[in-house]
Amino acid sequence: MGFGQTYVPIVRELFGKVGRAYEFCAGPGFIGFSLLAAGLCDSLCLSDINREAVEIAMETVRRNNLEDRVSVYVSDALDAVPPHERWDLARIIHENGPTQKPPCGMRRLETVPNPHRRLLLDRR
């Protein structure tokens, strides 16, 4: 089972299908594309600060004709993600220790108004 595929049964069990998913620090989007392929989200938003990773994700979008379902952004945290973006499920990596403040992008994510928003937090 590939890296992104390990999230499929977890999301299926904990959240089921959602409208739009967001993968923060997505790299090439292994997790997000796995959720989309498994039918666990209708659309997807990916962001990463690494331009090369974003180009790979964008190539995946192009090769699979997913332009109408997937948005990809080069972004430091949520700085370059347009404010109109909204998600029903967000996957975030929180690398700070449990007693430290969360990264700035996570604080902004917590303020996004959506009563149905759910977070899948990876603590590393």
PDB file of N, CA and C in Angstrom:
ATOM      1  N   MET A   1       0.846  -1.180   0.000  1.00  0.00           N
ATOM      2  CA  MET A   1       0.000   0.000   0.000  1.00  0.00           C
ATOM      3  C   MET A   1       0.886   1.236   0.000  1.00  0.00           C
ATOM      4  N   GLY A   2       0.645   2.141  -0.942  1.00  0.00           N
ATOM      5  CA  GLY A   2       1.426   3.365  -1.046  1.00  0.00           C
ATOM      6  C   GLY A   2       1.113   4.335   0.075  1.00  0.00           C
ATOM      7  N   PHE A   3       2.002   5.316   0.249  1.00  0.00           N
ATOM      8  CA  PHE A   3       1.873   6.290   1.340  1.00  0.00           C
ATOM      9  C   PHE A   3       0.484   6.932   1.391  1.00  0.00           C
ATOM     10  N   GLY A   4       0.025   7.479   0.294  1.00  0.00           N
ATOM     11  CA  GLY A   4      -1.278   8.140   0.277  1.00  0.00           C
ATOM     12  C   GLY A   4      -2.426   7.187   0.542  1.00  0.00           C
ATOM     13  N   GLN A   5      -2.275   5.951   0.116  1.00  0.00           N
ATOM     14  CA  GLN A   5      -3.328   4.947   0.296  1.00  0.00           C
ATOM     15  C   GLN A   5      -3.574   4.592   1.756  1.00  0.00           C
ATOM     16  N   THR A   6      -2.592   4.796   2.612  1.00  0.00           N
ATOM     17  CA  THR A   6      -2.776   4.462   4.031  1.00  0.00           C
ATOM     18  C   THR A   6      -3.846   5.335   4.686  1.00  0.00           C
ATOM     19  N   TYR A   7      -4.121   6.491   4.110  1.00  0.00           N
ATOM     20  CA  TYR A   7      -5.127   7.391   4.672  1.00  0.00           C
ATOM     21  C   TYR A   7      -6.550   7.020   4.265  1.00  0.00           C
ATOM     22  N   VAL A   8      -6.697   6.283   3.194  1.00  0.00           N
ATOM     23  CA  VAL A   8      -8.029   5.982   2.664  1.00  0.00           C
ATOM     24  C   VAL A   8      -8.912   5.279   3.693  1.00  0.00           C
ATOM     25  N   PRO A   9      -8.487   4.167   4.314  1.00  0.00           N
ATOM     26  CA  PRO A   9      -9.384   3.527   5.293  1.00  0.00           C
ATOM     27  C   PRO A   9      -9.624   4.385   6.533  1.00  0.00           C
ATOM     28  N   ILE A  10      -8.649   5.200   6.904  1.00  0.00           N
ATOM     29  CA  ILE A  10      -8.818   6.073   8.074  1.00  0.00           C
ATOM     30  C   ILE A  10      -9.895   7.117   7.793  1.00  0.00           C
ATOM     31  N   VAL A  11      -9.779   7.785   6.656  1.00  0.00           N
ATOM     32  CA  VAL A  11     -10.765   8.812   6.300  1.00  0.00           C
ATOM     33  C   VAL A  11     -12.135   8.181   6.086  1.00  0.00           C
ATOM     34  N   ARG A  12     -12.168   7.027   5.434  1.00  0.00           N
ATOM     35  CA  ARG A  12     -13.445   6.344   5.201  1.00  0.00           C
ATOM     36  C   ARG A  12     -14.143   6.050   6.528  1.00  0.00           C
ATOM     37  N   GLU A  13     -13.399   5.542   7.491  1.00  0.00           N
ATOM     38  CA  GLU A  13     -13.999   5.178   8.781  1.00  0.00           C
ATOM     39  C   GLU A  13     -14.368   6.391   9.632  1.00  0.00           C
ATOM     40  N   LEU A  14     -13.478   7.390   9.688  1.00  0.00           N
ATOM     41  CA  LEU A  14     -13.713   8.524  10.574  1.00  0.00           C
ATOM     42  C   LEU A  14     -14.639   9.593  10.006  1.00  0.00           C
ATOM     43  N   PHE A  15     -14.579   9.799   8.684  1.00  0.00           N
ATOM     44  CA  PHE A  15     -15.300  10.925   8.100  1.00  0.00           C
ATOM     45  C   PHE A  15     -16.258  10.556   6.985  1.00  0.00           C
ATOM     46  N   GLY A  16     -15.984   9.470   6.287  1.00  0.00           N
ATOM     47  CA  GLY A  16     -16.790   9.143   5.115  1.00  0.00           C
ATOM     48  C   GLY A  16     -16.495  10.111   3.980  1.00  0.00           C
ATOM     49  N   LYS A  17     -17.405  10.192   3.036  1.00  0.00           N
ATOM     50  CA  LYS A  17     -17.214  11.065   1.879  1.00  0.00           C
ATOM     51  C   LYS A  17     -17.483  12.515   2.255  1.00  0.00           C
ATOM     52  N   VAL A  18     -16.645  13.407   1.728  1.00  0.00           N
ATOM     53  CA  VAL A  18     -16.807  14.847   1.956  1.00  0.00           C
ATOM     54  C   VAL A  18     -16.861  15.550   0.598  1.00  0.00           C
ATOM     55  N   GLY A  19     -17.297  16.784   0.620  1.00  0.00           N
ATOM     56  CA  GLY A  19     -17.356  17.544  -0.620  1.00  0.00           C
ATOM     57  C   GLY A  19     -15.976  17.932  -1.120  1.00  0.00           C
ATOM     58  N   ARG A  20     -15.263  18.739  -0.343  1.00  0.00           N
ATOM     59  CA  ARG A  20     -13.940  19.225  -0.762  1.00  0.00           C
ATOM     60  C   ARG A  20     -12.929  18.927   0.333  1.00  0.00           C
ATOM     61  N   ALA A  21     -11.802  18.361  -0.056  1.00  0.00           N
ATOM     62  CA  ALA A  21     -10.715  18.058   0.875  1.00  0.00           C
ATOM     63  C   ALA A  21      -9.534  18.976   0.590  1.00  0.00           C
ATOM     64  N   TYR A  22      -8.760  19.246   1.624  1.00  0.00           N
ATOM     65  CA  TYR A  22      -7.566  20.085   1.505  1.00  0.00           C
ATOM     66  C   TYR A  22      -6.381  19.349   2.095  1.00  0.00           C
ATOM     67  N   GLU A  23      -5.290  19.277   1.342  1.00  0.00           N
ATOM     68  CA  GLU A  23      -4.051  18.706   1.851  1.00  0.00           C
ATOM     69  C   GLU A  23      -3.016  19.807   1.964  1.00  0.00           C
ATOM     70  N   PHE A  24      -2.692  20.156   3.188  1.00  0.00           N
ATOM     71  CA  PHE A  24      -1.710  21.168   3.563  1.00  0.00           C
ATOM     72  C   PHE A  24      -0.329  20.512   3.517  1.00  0.00           C
ATOM     73  N   CYS A  25       0.687  21.206   3.019  1.00  0.00           N
ATOM     74  CA  CYS A  25       2.030  20.616   2.865  1.00  0.00           C
ATOM     75  C   CYS A  25       1.916  19.333   2.053  1.00  0.00           C
ATOM     76  N   ALA A  26       1.260  19.434   0.913  1.00  0.00           N
ATOM     77  CA  ALA A  26       0.854  18.268   0.131  1.00  0.00           C
ATOM     78  C   ALA A  26       1.975  17.567  -0.610  1.00  0.00           C
ATOM     79  N   GLY A  27       3.088  18.247  -0.845  1.00  0.00           N
ATOM     80  CA  GLY A  27       4.093  17.643  -1.717  1.00  0.00           C
ATOM     81  C   GLY A  27       3.431  17.377  -3.061  1.00  0.00           C
ATOM     82  N   PRO A  28       3.611  16.192  -3.644  1.00  0.00           N
ATOM     83  CA  PRO A  28       2.973  15.894  -4.930  1.00  0.00           C
ATOM     84  C   PRO A  28       1.510  15.478  -4.799  1.00  0.00           C
ATOM     85  N   GLY A  29       0.969  15.477  -3.595  1.00  0.00           N
ATOM     86  CA  GLY A  29      -0.457  15.211  -3.411  1.00  0.00           C
ATOM     87  C   GLY A  29      -0.840  13.753  -3.262  1.00  0.00           C
ATOM     88  N   PHE A  30       0.071  12.913  -2.796  1.00  0.00           N
ATOM     89  CA  PHE A  30      -0.222  11.484  -2.668  1.00  0.00           C
ATOM     90  C   PHE A  30      -1.501  11.218  -1.876  1.00  0.00           C
ATOM     91  N   ILE A  31      -1.664  11.899  -0.758  1.00  0.00           N
ATOM     92  CA  ILE A  31      -2.831  11.659   0.098  1.00  0.00           C
ATOM     93  C   ILE A  31      -4.092  12.195  -0.558  1.00  0.00           C
ATOM     94  N   GLY A  32      -4.054  13.435  -0.990  1.00  0.00           N
ATOM     95  CA  GLY A  32      -5.233  14.039  -1.605  1.00  0.00           C
ATOM     96  C   GLY A  32      -5.709  13.300  -2.838  1.00  0.00           C
ATOM     97  N   PHE A  33      -4.780  12.955  -3.737  1.00  0.00           N
ATOM     98  CA  PHE A  33      -5.174  12.217  -4.935  1.00  0.00           C
ATOM     99  C   PHE A  33      -5.700  10.823  -4.585  1.00  0.00           C
ATOM    100  N   SER A  34      -5.168  10.217  -3.532  1.00  0.00           N
ATOM    101  CA  SER A  34      -5.683   8.910  -3.098  1.00  0.00           C
ATOM    102  C   SER A  34      -7.120   9.032  -2.608  1.00  0.00           C
ATOM    103  N   LEU A  35      -7.418  10.089  -1.862  1.00  0.00           N
ATOM    104  CA  LEU A  35      -8.788  10.298  -1.375  1.00  0.00           C
ATOM    105  C   LEU A  35      -9.737  10.555  -2.541  1.00  0.00           C
ATOM    106  N   LEU A  36      -9.285  11.344  -3.506  1.00  0.00           N
ATOM    107  CA  LEU A  36     -10.101  11.641  -4.683  1.00  0.00           C
ATOM    108  C   LEU A  36     -10.368  10.361  -5.486  1.00  0.00           C
ATOM    109  N   ALA A  37      -9.330   9.574  -5.714  1.00  0.00           N
ATOM    110  CA  ALA A  37      -9.469   8.330  -6.490  1.00  0.00           C
ATOM    111  C   ALA A  37     -10.372   7.322  -5.782  1.00  0.00           C
ATOM    112  N   ALA A  38     -10.366   7.333  -4.451  1.00  0.00           N
ATOM    113  CA  ALA A  38     -11.196   6.406  -3.687  1.00  0.00           C
ATOM    114  C   ALA A  38     -12.642   6.891  -3.560  1.00  0.00           C
ATOM    115  N   GLY A  39     -12.931   8.072  -4.112  1.00  0.00           N
ATOM    116  CA  GLY A  39     -14.286   8.603  -4.041  1.00  0.00           C
ATOM    117  C   GLY A  39     -14.644   9.172  -2.682  1.00  0.00           C
ATOM    118  N   LEU A  40     -13.627   9.534  -1.889  1.00  0.00           N
ATOM    119  CA  LEU A  40     -13.888  10.065  -0.556  1.00  0.00           C
ATOM    120  C   LEU A  40     -14.026  11.582  -0.534  1.00  0.00           C
ATOM    121  N   CYS A  41     -13.812  12.223  -1.687  1.00  0.00           N
ATOM    122  CA  CYS A  41     -14.078  13.653  -1.814  1.00  0.00           C
ATOM    123  C   CYS A  41     -14.473  13.936  -3.259  1.00  0.00           C
ATOM    124  N   ASP A  42     -15.295  14.955  -3.421  1.00  0.00           N
ATOM    125  CA  ASP A  42     -15.720  15.352  -4.766  1.00  0.00           C
ATOM    126  C   ASP A  42     -14.681  16.222  -5.456  1.00  0.00           C
ATOM    127  N   SER A  43     -13.970  17.027  -4.656  1.00  0.00           N
ATOM    128  CA  SER A  43     -12.947  17.909  -5.201  1.00  0.00           C
ATOM    129  C   SER A  43     -11.831  18.053  -4.182  1.00  0.00           C
ATOM    130  N   LEU A  44     -10.732  18.663  -4.628  1.00  0.00           N
ATOM    131  CA  LEU A  44      -9.511  18.656  -3.840  1.00  0.00           C
ATOM    132  C   LEU A  44      -8.770  19.966  -3.986  1.00  0.00           C
ATOM    133  N   CYS A  45      -8.152  20.404  -2.906  1.00  0.00           N
ATOM    134  CA  CYS A  45      -7.265  21.565  -2.899  1.00  0.00           C
ATOM    135  C   CYS A  45      -5.934  21.103  -2.301  1.00  0.00           C
ATOM    136  N   LEU A  46      -4.844  21.419  -2.980  1.00  0.00           N
ATOM    137  CA  LEU A  46      -3.507  21.061  -2.514  1.00  0.00           C
ATOM    138  C   LEU A  46      -2.668  22.320  -2.409  1.00  0.00           C
ATOM    139  N   SER A  47      -1.779  22.370  -1.410  1.00  0.00           N
ATOM    140  CA  SER A  47      -0.821  23.469  -1.349  1.00  0.00           C
ATOM    141  C   SER A  47       0.493  22.967  -0.765  1.00  0.00           C
ATOM    142  N   ASP A  48       1.578  23.582  -1.241  1.00  0.00           N
ATOM    143  CA  ASP A  48       2.901  23.272  -0.734  1.00  0.00           C
ATOM    144  C   ASP A  48       3.817  24.437  -1.066  1.00  0.00           C
ATOM    145  N   ILE A  49       4.838  24.640  -0.282  1.00  0.00           N
ATOM    146  CA  ILE A  49       5.795  25.712  -0.531  1.00  0.00           C
ATOM    147  C   ILE A  49       6.814  25.319  -1.600  1.00  0.00           C
ATOM    148  N   ASN A  50       6.984  24.031  -1.834  1.00  0.00           N
ATOM    149  CA  ASN A  50       7.972  23.522  -2.780  1.00  0.00           C
ATOM    150  C   ASN A  50       7.412  23.581  -4.205  1.00  0.00           C
ATOM    151  N   ARG A  51       7.978  24.452  -5.025  1.00  0.00           N
ATOM    152  CA  ARG A  51       7.488  24.642  -6.400  1.00  0.00           C
ATOM    153  C   ARG A  51       7.586  23.369  -7.237  1.00  0.00           C
ATOM    154  N   GLU A  52       8.640  22.591  -7.052  1.00  0.00           N
ATOM    155  CA  GLU A  52       8.785  21.351  -7.817  1.00  0.00           C
ATOM    156  C   GLU A  52       7.678  20.357  -7.466  1.00  0.00           C
ATOM    157  N   ALA A  53       7.361  20.245  -6.186  1.00  0.00           N
ATOM    158  CA  ALA A  53       6.281  19.344  -5.771  1.00  0.00           C
ATOM    159  C   ALA A  53       4.948  19.810  -6.348  1.00  0.00           C
ATOM    160  N   VAL A  54       4.724  21.115  -6.355  1.00  0.00           N
ATOM    161  CA  VAL A  54       3.494  21.671  -6.906  1.00  0.00           C
ATOM    162  C   VAL A  54       3.414  21.405  -8.409  1.00  0.00           C
ATOM    163  N   GLU A  55       4.527  21.528  -9.106  1.00  0.00           N
ATOM    164  CA  GLU A  55       4.539  21.229 -10.550  1.00  0.00           C
ATOM    165  C   GLU A  55       4.178  19.770 -10.812  1.00  0.00           C
ATOM    166  N   ILE A  56       4.666  18.870  -9.976  1.00  0.00           N
ATOM    167  CA  ILE A  56       4.329  17.452 -10.119  1.00  0.00           C
ATOM    168  C   ILE A  56       2.829  17.252  -9.892  1.00  0.00           C
ATOM    169  N   ALA A  57       2.288  17.883  -8.858  1.00  0.00           N
ATOM    170  CA  ALA A  57       0.849  17.780  -8.594  1.00  0.00           C
ATOM    171  C   ALA A  57       0.044  18.348  -9.762  1.00  0.00           C
ATOM    172  N   MET A  58       0.498  19.468 -10.317  1.00  0.00           N
ATOM    173  CA  MET A  58      -0.212  20.082 -11.441  1.00  0.00           C
ATOM    174  C   MET A  58      -0.142  19.194 -12.682  1.00  0.00           C
ATOM    175  N   GLU A  59       0.967  18.507 -12.868  1.00  0.00           N
ATOM    176  CA  GLU A  59       1.080  17.576 -13.984  1.00  0.00           C
ATOM    177  C   GLU A  59       0.107  16.408 -13.813  1.00  0.00           C
ATOM    178  N   THR A  60      -0.041  15.936 -12.584  1.00  0.00           N
ATOM    179  CA  THR A  60      -1.018  14.880 -12.307  1.00  0.00           C
ATOM    180  C   THR A  60      -2.423  15.353 -12.646  1.00  0.00           C
ATOM    181  N   VAL A  61      -2.729  16.593 -12.289  1.00  0.00           N
ATOM    182  CA  VAL A  61      -4.037  17.179 -12.607  1.00  0.00           C
ATOM    183  C   VAL A  61      -4.245  17.203 -14.121  1.00  0.00           C
ATOM    184  N   ARG A  62      -3.250  17.697 -14.851  1.00  0.00           N
ATOM    185  CA  ARG A  62      -3.358  17.798 -16.316  1.00  0.00           C
ATOM    186  C   ARG A  62      -3.505  16.423 -16.975  1.00  0.00           C
ATOM    187  N   ARG A  63      -2.661  15.483 -16.593  1.00  0.00           N
ATOM    188  CA  ARG A  63      -2.685  14.154 -17.223  1.00  0.00           C
ATOM    189  C   ARG A  63      -3.980  13.392 -16.977  1.00  0.00           C
ATOM    190  N   ASN A  64      -4.657  13.740 -15.890  1.00  0.00           N
ATOM    191  CA  ASN A  64      -5.891  13.035 -15.540  1.00  0.00           C
ATOM    192  C   ASN A  64      -7.142  13.876 -15.752  1.00  0.00           C
ATOM    193  N   ASN A  65      -6.979  15.023 -16.432  1.00  0.00           N
ATOM    194  CA  ASN A  65      -8.113  15.912 -16.734  1.00  0.00           C
ATOM    195  C   ASN A  65      -8.926  16.267 -15.486  1.00  0.00           C
ATOM    196  N   LEU A  66      -8.227  16.677 -14.449  1.00  0.00           N
ATOM    197  CA  LEU A  66      -8.879  16.999 -13.181  1.00  0.00           C
ATOM    198  C   LEU A  66      -8.951  18.504 -12.908  1.00  0.00           C
ATOM    199  N   GLU A  67      -8.744  19.315 -13.928  1.00  0.00           N
ATOM    200  CA  GLU A  67      -8.709  20.763 -13.730  1.00  0.00           C
ATOM    201  C   GLU A  67      -9.979  21.313 -13.083  1.00  0.00           C
ATOM    202  N   ASP A  68     -11.116  20.680 -13.330  1.00  0.00           N
ATOM    203  CA  ASP A  68     -12.373  21.166 -12.762  1.00  0.00           C
ATOM    204  C   ASP A  68     -12.615  20.643 -11.340  1.00  0.00           C
ATOM    205  N   ARG A  69     -11.728  19.775 -10.848  1.00  0.00           N
ATOM    206  CA  ARG A  69     -11.927  19.186  -9.515  1.00  0.00           C
ATOM    207  C   ARG A  69     -10.785  19.443  -8.546  1.00  0.00           C
ATOM    208  N   VAL A  70      -9.615  19.879  -9.047  1.00  0.00           N
ATOM    209  CA  VAL A  70      -8.438  20.029  -8.190  1.00  0.00           C
ATOM    210  C   VAL A  70      -7.808  21.398  -8.380  1.00  0.00           C
ATOM    211  N   SER A  71      -7.549  22.080  -7.264  1.00  0.00           N
ATOM    212  CA  SER A  71      -6.815  23.351  -7.245  1.00  0.00           C
ATOM    213  C   SER A  71      -5.475  23.098  -6.569  1.00  0.00           C
ATOM    214  N   VAL A  72      -4.407  23.670  -7.131  1.00  0.00           N
ATOM    215  CA  VAL A  72      -3.064  23.481  -6.592  1.00  0.00           C
ATOM    216  C   VAL A  72      -2.406  24.841  -6.436  1.00  0.00           C
ATOM    217  N   TYR A  73      -1.810  25.091  -5.260  1.00  0.00           N
ATOM    218  CA  TYR A  73      -1.191  26.388  -4.984  1.00  0.00           C
ATOM    219  C   TYR A  73       0.217  26.234  -4.437  1.00  0.00           C
ATOM    220  N   VAL A  74       1.132  27.098  -4.891  1.00  0.00           N
ATOM    221  CA  VAL A  74       2.422  27.259  -4.236  1.00  0.00           C
ATOM    222  C   VAL A  74       2.145  28.220  -3.098  1.00  0.00           C
ATOM    223  N   SER A  75       2.357  27.761  -1.870  1.00  0.00           N
ATOM    224  CA  SER A  75       1.991  28.612  -0.742  1.00  0.00           C
ATOM    225  C   SER A  75       2.799  28.260   0.501  1.00  0.00           C
ATOM    226  N   ASP A  76       3.239  29.275   1.210  1.00  0.00           N
ATOM    227  CA  ASP A  76       3.865  29.134   2.513  1.00  0.00           C
ATOM    228  C   ASP A  76       2.723  29.175   3.523  1.00  0.00           C
ATOM    229  N   ALA A  77       2.449  28.048   4.147  1.00  0.00           N
ATOM    230  CA  ALA A  77       1.257  27.890   4.980  1.00  0.00           C
ATOM    231  C   ALA A  77       0.042  28.197   4.103  1.00  0.00           C
ATOM    232  N   LEU A  78      -0.816  29.102   4.519  1.00  0.00           N
ATOM    233  CA  LEU A  78      -1.992  29.439   3.709  1.00  0.00           C
ATOM    234  C   LEU A  78      -1.857  30.803   3.045  1.00  0.00           C
ATOM    235  N   ASP A  79      -0.646  31.352   3.048  1.00  0.00           N
ATOM    236  CA  ASP A  79      -0.443  32.717   2.554  1.00  0.00           C
ATOM    237  C   ASP A  79      -0.949  32.960   1.136  1.00  0.00           C
ATOM    238  N   ALA A  80      -0.742  32.016   0.218  1.00  0.00           N
ATOM    239  CA  ALA A  80      -1.129  32.213  -1.180  1.00  0.00           C
ATOM    240  C   ALA A  80      -2.373  31.423  -1.573  1.00  0.00           C
ATOM    241  N   VAL A  81      -3.018  30.801  -0.602  1.00  0.00           N
ATOM    242  CA  VAL A  81      -4.274  30.104  -0.885  1.00  0.00           C
ATOM    243  C   VAL A  81      -5.379  31.154  -0.850  1.00  0.00           C
ATOM    244  N   PRO A  82      -6.144  31.288  -1.929  1.00  0.00           N
ATOM    245  CA  PRO A  82      -7.166  32.333  -1.984  1.00  0.00           C
ATOM    246  C   PRO A  82      -8.167  32.221  -0.822  1.00  0.00           C
ATOM    247  N   PRO A  83      -8.590  33.349  -0.301  1.00  0.00           N
ATOM    248  CA  PRO A  83      -9.513  33.334   0.841  1.00  0.00           C
ATOM    249  C   PRO A  83     -10.872  32.706   0.526  1.00  0.00           C
ATOM    250  N   HIS A  84     -11.233  32.573  -0.759  1.00  0.00           N
ATOM    251  CA  HIS A  84     -12.526  31.968  -1.092  1.00  0.00           C
ATOM    252  C   HIS A  84     -12.505  30.447  -0.960  1.00  0.00           C
ATOM    253  N   GLU A  85     -11.315  29.848  -0.836  1.00  0.00           N
ATOM    254  CA  GLU A  85     -11.238  28.388  -0.713  1.00  0.00           C
ATOM    255  C   GLU A  85     -11.875  27.931   0.601  1.00  0.00           C
ATOM    256  N   ARG A  86     -12.678  26.902   0.515  1.00  0.00           N
ATOM    257  CA  ARG A  86     -13.322  26.290   1.686  1.00  0.00           C
ATOM    258  C   ARG A  86     -13.229  24.782   1.551  1.00  0.00           C
ATOM    259  N   TRP A  87     -13.104  24.085   2.684  1.00  0.00           N
ATOM    260  CA  TRP A  87     -12.956  22.636   2.668  1.00  0.00           C
ATOM    261  C   TRP A  87     -13.835  22.009   3.726  1.00  0.00           C
ATOM    262  N   ASP A  88     -14.225  20.785   3.474  1.00  0.00           N
ATOM    263  CA  ASP A  88     -14.978  20.009   4.451  1.00  0.00           C
ATOM    264  C   ASP A  88     -14.051  19.144   5.303  1.00  0.00           C
ATOM    265  N   LEU A  89     -12.888  18.835   4.759  1.00  0.00           N
ATOM    266  CA  LEU A  89     -11.892  18.038   5.474  1.00  0.00           C
ATOM    267  C   LEU A  89     -10.523  18.574   5.118  1.00  0.00           C
ATOM    268  N   ALA A  90      -9.702  18.836   6.121  1.00  0.00           N
ATOM    269  CA  ALA A  90      -8.344  19.311   5.887  1.00  0.00           C
ATOM    270  C   ALA A  90      -7.360  18.387   6.570  1.00  0.00           C
ATOM    271  N   ARG A  91      -6.318  18.017   5.851  1.00  0.00           N
ATOM    272  CA  ARG A  91      -5.250  17.186   6.405  1.00  0.00           C
ATOM    273  C   ARG A  91      -4.053  18.093   6.610  1.00  0.00           C
ATOM    274  N   ILE A  92      -3.595  18.192   7.866  1.00  0.00           N
ATOM    275  CA  ILE A  92      -2.512  19.093   8.227  1.00  0.00           C
ATOM    276  C   ILE A  92      -1.417  18.301   8.928  1.00  0.00           C
ATOM    277  N   ILE A  93      -0.184  18.753   8.779  1.00  0.00           N
ATOM    278  CA  ILE A  93       0.937  18.202   9.542  1.00  0.00           C
ATOM    279  C   ILE A  93       1.279  19.228  10.602  1.00  0.00           C
ATOM    280  N   HIS A  94       1.328  18.794  11.853  1.00  0.00           N
ATOM    281  CA  HIS A  94       1.687  19.674  12.959  1.00  0.00           C
ATOM    282  C   HIS A  94       2.976  19.135  13.551  1.00  0.00           C
ATOM    283  N   GLU A  95       4.109  19.766  13.209  1.00  0.00           N
ATOM    284  CA  GLU A  95       5.397  19.239  13.633  1.00  0.00           C
ATOM    285  C   GLU A  95       5.885  19.848  14.935  1.00  0.00           C
ATOM    286  N   ASN A  96       5.182  20.827  15.463  1.00  0.00           N
ATOM    287  CA  ASN A  96       5.574  21.392  16.750  1.00  0.00           C
ATOM    288  C   ASN A  96       5.179  20.432  17.854  1.00  0.00           C
ATOM    289  N   GLY A  97       5.858  20.526  18.960  1.00  0.00           N
ATOM    290  CA  GLY A  97       5.532  19.664  20.097  1.00  0.00           C
ATOM    291  C   GLY A  97       4.175  20.017  20.666  1.00  0.00           C
ATOM    292  N   PRO A  98       3.621  19.160  21.530  1.00  0.00           N
ATOM    293  CA  PRO A  98       2.266  19.382  22.046  1.00  0.00           C
ATOM    294  C   PRO A  98       2.131  20.639  22.905  1.00  0.00           C
ATOM    295  N   THR A  99       3.240  21.160  23.442  1.00  0.00           N
ATOM    296  CA  THR A  99       3.141  22.359  24.275  1.00  0.00           C
ATOM    297  C   THR A  99       3.435  23.630  23.500  1.00  0.00           C
ATOM    298  N   GLN A 100       3.806  23.501  22.223  1.00  0.00           N
ATOM    299  CA  GLN A 100       4.105  24.680  21.419  1.00  0.00           C
ATOM    300  C   GLN A 100       2.873  25.139  20.662  1.00  0.00           C
ATOM    301  N   LYS A 101       2.910  26.395  20.237  1.00  0.00           N
ATOM    302  CA  LYS A 101       1.810  26.931  19.441  1.00  0.00           C
ATOM    303  C   LYS A 101       1.781  26.254  18.078  1.00  0.00           C
ATOM    304  N   PRO A 102       0.591  26.067  17.487  1.00  0.00           N
ATOM    305  CA  PRO A 102       0.518  25.485  16.147  1.00  0.00           C
ATOM    306  C   PRO A 102       1.071  26.450  15.111  1.00  0.00           C
ATOM    307  N   PRO A 103       1.453  25.945  13.934  1.00  0.00           N
ATOM    308  CA  PRO A 103       1.969  26.833  12.895  1.00  0.00           C
ATOM    309  C   PRO A 103       0.929  27.855  12.481  1.00  0.00           C
ATOM    310  N   CYS A 104       1.391  29.003  11.969  1.00  0.00           N
ATOM    311  CA  CYS A 104       0.479  30.104  11.645  1.00  0.00           C
ATOM    312  C   CYS A 104      -0.618  29.678  10.684  1.00  0.00           C
ATOM    313  N   GLY A 105      -0.326  28.838   9.727  1.00  0.00           N
ATOM    314  CA  GLY A 105      -1.343  28.384   8.789  1.00  0.00           C
ATOM    315  C   GLY A 105      -2.457  27.631   9.483  1.00  0.00           C
ATOM    316  N   MET A 106      -2.109  26.865  10.502  1.00  0.00           N
ATOM    317  CA  MET A 106      -3.122  26.108  11.222  1.00  0.00           C
ATOM    318  C   MET A 106      -4.048  27.044  11.993  1.00  0.00           C
ATOM    319  N   ARG A 107      -3.484  28.097  12.593  1.00  0.00           N
ATOM    320  CA  ARG A 107      -4.340  29.055  13.304  1.00  0.00           C
ATOM    321  C   ARG A 107      -5.348  29.668  12.337  1.00  0.00           C
ATOM    322  N   ARG A 108      -4.913  30.033  11.125  1.00  0.00           N
ATOM    323  CA  ARG A 108      -5.834  30.611  10.147  1.00  0.00           C
ATOM    324  C   ARG A 108      -6.880  29.587   9.736  1.00  0.00           C
ATOM    325  N   LEU A 109      -6.466  28.347   9.575  1.00  0.00           N
ATOM    326  CA  LEU A 109      -7.396  27.303   9.176  1.00  0.00           C
ATOM    327  C   LEU A 109      -8.498  27.136  10.217  1.00  0.00           C
ATOM    328  N   GLU A 110      -8.133  27.253  11.490  1.00  0.00           N
ATOM    329  CA  GLU A 110      -9.123  27.101  12.549  1.00  0.00           C
ATOM    330  C   GLU A 110     -10.168  28.211  12.523  1.00  0.00           C
ATOM    331  N   THR A 111      -9.872  29.335  11.887  1.00  0.00           N
ATOM    332  CA  THR A 111     -10.821  30.451  11.850  1.00  0.00           C
ATOM    333  C   THR A 111     -11.702  30.447  10.607  1.00  0.00           C
ATOM    334  N   VAL A 112     -11.448  29.503   9.684  1.00  0.00           N
ATOM    335  CA  VAL A 112     -12.263  29.449   8.468  1.00  0.00           C
ATOM    336  C   VAL A 112     -13.689  29.055   8.839  1.00  0.00           C
ATOM    337  N   PRO A 113     -14.692  29.891   8.508  1.00  0.00           N
ATOM    338  CA  PRO A 113     -16.058  29.586   8.922  1.00  0.00           C
ATOM    339  C   PRO A 113     -16.672  28.455   8.088  1.00  0.00           C
ATOM    340  N   ASN A 114     -16.906  27.334   8.710  1.00  0.00           N
ATOM    341  CA  ASN A 114     -17.571  26.201   8.063  1.00  0.00           C
ATOM    342  C   ASN A 114     -18.019  25.271   9.179  1.00  0.00           C
ATOM    343  N   PRO A 115     -19.310  25.202   9.460  1.00  0.00           N
ATOM    344  CA  PRO A 115     -19.774  24.378  10.575  1.00  0.00           C
ATOM    345  C   PRO A 115     -19.542  22.887  10.360  1.00  0.00           C
ATOM    346  N   HIS A 116     -19.250  22.465   9.133  1.00  0.00           N
ATOM    347  CA  HIS A 116     -19.048  21.048   8.853  1.00  0.00           C
ATOM    348  C   HIS A 116     -17.577  20.692   8.680  1.00  0.00           C
ATOM    349  N   ARG A 117     -16.697  21.634   8.933  1.00  0.00           N
ATOM    350  CA  ARG A 117     -15.252  21.433   8.744  1.00  0.00           C
ATOM    351  C   ARG A 117     -14.736  20.360   9.710  1.00  0.00           C
ATOM    352  N   ARG A 118     -13.846  19.511   9.192  1.00  0.00           N
ATOM    353  CA  ARG A 118     -13.199  18.492  10.006  1.00  0.00           C
ATOM    354  C   ARG A 118     -11.715  18.493   9.705  1.00  0.00           C
ATOM    355  N   LEU A 119     -10.905  18.202  10.709  1.00  0.00           N
ATOM    356  CA  LEU A 119      -9.456  18.191  10.539  1.00  0.00           C
ATOM    357  C   LEU A 119      -8.909  16.802  10.783  1.00  0.00           C
ATOM    358  N   LEU A 120      -7.954  16.404   9.974  1.00  0.00           N
ATOM    359  CA  LEU A 120      -7.193  15.182  10.188  1.00  0.00           C
ATOM    360  C   LEU A 120      -5.778  15.652  10.453  1.00  0.00           C
ATOM    361  N   LEU A 121      -5.344  15.603  11.715  1.00  0.00           N
ATOM    362  CA  LEU A 121      -4.083  16.191  12.141  1.00  0.00           C
ATOM    363  C   LEU A 121      -3.035  15.103  12.312  1.00  0.00           C
ATOM    364  N   ASP A 122      -1.951  15.204  11.544  1.00  0.00           N
ATOM    365  CA  ASP A 122      -0.795  14.308  11.700  1.00  0.00           C
ATOM    366  C   ASP A 122       0.173  14.971  12.648  1.00  0.00           C
ATOM    367  N   ARG A 123       0.462  14.346  13.763  1.00  0.00           N
ATOM    368  CA  ARG A 123       1.435  14.897  14.698  1.00  0.00           C
ATOM    369  C   ARG A 123       2.744  14.142  14.490  1.00  0.00           C
ATOM    370  N   ARG A 124       3.802  14.877  14.199  1.00  0.00           N
ATOM    371  CA  ARG A 124       5.107  14.245  13.947  1.00  0.00           C
ATOM    372  C   ARG A 124       6.102  14.659  14.992  1.00  0.00           C
TER     373      ARG A 124
END
